[in-house]
Amino acid sequence: MLVFACSVETRQHQLISTIREQFGERIWDRVDVMTFEDIQAGRAPGYPYPDETLRPIDQGLFALRDEIER
């Protein structure tokens, strides 16, 4: 999974549009464009539908971190 992190939603939307124009819809099972706020909130990558072979569990990043630390 390749994740692009953007500081603001306007930049996120611009990057999503550019990627969609260049690569089409099939790219989204391998690429995500997230805002810093998404990442800080613990949203797991996978826009709009994650490739389940790349992400074995469906949890937020912080929940996963907490589980690993236990």
C-alpha atoms as a PDB file:
ATOM      1  CA  MET A   1       0.000   0.000   0.000  1.00  0.00           C
ATOM      2  CA  LEU A   2       1.383   3.361  -1.031  1.00  0.00           C
ATOM      3  CA  VAL A   3       0.097   6.236   1.099  1.00  0.00           C
ATOM      4  CA  PHE A   4       0.339   9.883   0.134  1.00  0.00           C
ATOM      5  CA  ALA A   5      -0.119  12.231   3.099  1.00  0.00           C
ATOM      6  CA  CYS A   6      -1.481  15.738   2.561  1.00  0.00           C
ATOM      7  CA  SER A   7      -1.703  18.556   5.049  1.00  0.00           C
ATOM      8  CA  VAL A   8      -5.125  19.784   3.867  1.00  0.00           C
ATOM      9  CA  GLU A   9      -8.196  18.308   2.169  1.00  0.00           C
ATOM     10  CA  THR A  10      -7.935  20.580  -0.873  1.00  0.00           C
ATOM     11  CA  ARG A  11      -4.521  19.134  -1.671  1.00  0.00           C
ATOM     12  CA  GLN A  12      -5.861  15.626  -1.030  1.00  0.00           C
ATOM     13  CA  HIS A  13      -8.650  16.162  -3.581  1.00  0.00           C
ATOM     14  CA  GLN A  14      -6.199  17.565  -6.148  1.00  0.00           C
ATOM     15  CA  LEU A  15      -3.905  14.572  -5.759  1.00  0.00           C
ATOM     16  CA  ILE A  16      -6.789  12.092  -5.941  1.00  0.00           C
ATOM     17  CA  SER A  17      -7.963  13.731  -9.161  1.00  0.00           C
ATOM     18  CA  THR A  18      -4.494  13.648 -10.703  1.00  0.00           C
ATOM     19  CA  ILE A  19      -3.932   9.989  -9.779  1.00  0.00           C
ATOM     20  CA  ARG A  20      -7.387   9.014 -11.081  1.00  0.00           C
ATOM     21  CA  GLU A  21      -6.708  10.772 -14.415  1.00  0.00           C
ATOM     22  CA  GLN A  22      -3.314   9.095 -14.834  1.00  0.00           C
ATOM     23  CA  PHE A  23      -4.045   5.572 -13.566  1.00  0.00           C
ATOM     24  CA  GLY A  24      -7.819   5.044 -13.491  1.00  0.00           C
ATOM     25  CA  GLU A  25      -9.935   3.506 -10.753  1.00  0.00           C
ATOM     26  CA  ARG A  26      -8.049   0.210 -10.391  1.00  0.00           C
ATOM     27  CA  ILE A  27      -5.173   1.946  -8.606  1.00  0.00           C
ATOM     28  CA  TRP A  28      -7.184   2.527  -5.419  1.00  0.00           C
ATOM     29  CA  ASP A  29      -6.705  -0.996  -4.087  1.00  0.00           C
ATOM     30  CA  ARG A  30      -2.974  -0.208  -3.815  1.00  0.00           C
ATOM     31  CA  VAL A  31      -2.849   3.558  -3.183  1.00  0.00           C
ATOM     32  CA  ASP A  32      -4.443   5.898  -0.655  1.00  0.00           C
ATOM     33  CA  VAL A  33      -4.332   9.669  -0.311  1.00  0.00           C
ATOM     34  CA  MET A  34      -4.892  10.655   3.295  1.00  0.00           C
ATOM     35  CA  THR A  35      -4.812  13.913   5.198  1.00  0.00           C
ATOM     36  CA  PHE A  36      -2.631  14.316   8.252  1.00  0.00           C
ATOM     37  CA  GLU A  37      -5.870  14.465  10.230  1.00  0.00           C
ATOM     38  CA  ASP A  38      -6.899  11.020   8.873  1.00  0.00           C
ATOM     39  CA  ILE A  39      -3.558   9.579   9.905  1.00  0.00           C
ATOM     40  CA  GLN A  40      -3.639  11.153  13.355  1.00  0.00           C
ATOM     41  CA  ALA A  41      -7.181   9.820  13.853  1.00  0.00           C
ATOM     42  CA  GLY A  42      -5.876   6.315  13.178  1.00  0.00           C
ATOM     43  CA  ARG A  43      -7.766   5.635   9.938  1.00  0.00           C
ATOM     44  CA  ALA A  44      -6.251   2.655   8.192  1.00  0.00           C
ATOM     45  CA  PRO A  45      -5.162   3.148   4.555  1.00  0.00           C
ATOM     46  CA  GLY A  46      -7.325   1.788   1.761  1.00  0.00           C
ATOM     47  CA  TYR A  47      -9.287   4.275  -0.343  1.00  0.00           C
ATOM     48  CA  PRO A  48     -12.058   3.561  -1.069  1.00  0.00           C
ATOM     49  CA  TYR A  49     -11.737  -0.224  -0.754  1.00  0.00           C
ATOM     50  CA  PRO A  50      -8.609  -1.673   0.815  1.00  0.00           C
ATOM     51  CA  ASP A  51      -6.900  -4.667  -0.724  1.00  0.00           C
ATOM     52  CA  GLU A  52      -7.387  -7.163   2.091  1.00  0.00           C
ATOM     53  CA  THR A  53      -4.200  -9.029   1.131  1.00  0.00           C
ATOM     54  CA  LEU A  54      -2.245  -5.885   2.001  1.00  0.00           C
ATOM     55  CA  ARG A  55      -4.056  -5.193   5.266  1.00  0.00           C
ATOM     56  CA  PRO A  56      -4.772  -8.405   7.177  1.00  0.00           C
ATOM     57  CA  ILE A  57      -6.993  -6.785   9.806  1.00  0.00           C
ATOM     58  CA  ASP A  58      -9.562  -4.026   9.678  1.00  0.00           C
ATOM     59  CA  GLN A  59      -8.502  -1.789  12.560  1.00  0.00           C
ATOM     60  CA  GLY A  60      -7.343   1.760  12.980  1.00  0.00           C
ATOM     61  CA  LEU A  61      -3.604   2.319  13.302  1.00  0.00           C
ATOM     62  CA  PHE A  62      -3.790   3.288  16.973  1.00  0.00           C
ATOM     63  CA  ALA A  63      -5.883   0.239  17.870  1.00  0.00           C
ATOM     64  CA  LEU A  64      -3.343  -1.934  16.090  1.00  0.00           C
ATOM     65  CA  ARG A  65      -0.455  -0.218  17.883  1.00  0.00           C
ATOM     66  CA  ASP A  66      -2.136  -0.738  21.244  1.00  0.00           C
ATOM     67  CA  GLU A  67      -2.706  -4.403  20.453  1.00  0.00           C
ATOM     68  CA  ILE A  68       0.931  -4.898  19.458  1.00  0.00           C
ATOM     69  CA  GLU A  69       2.175  -3.189  22.632  1.00  0.00           C
ATOM     70  CA  ARG A  70       0.174  -5.580  24.847  1.00  0.00           C
END
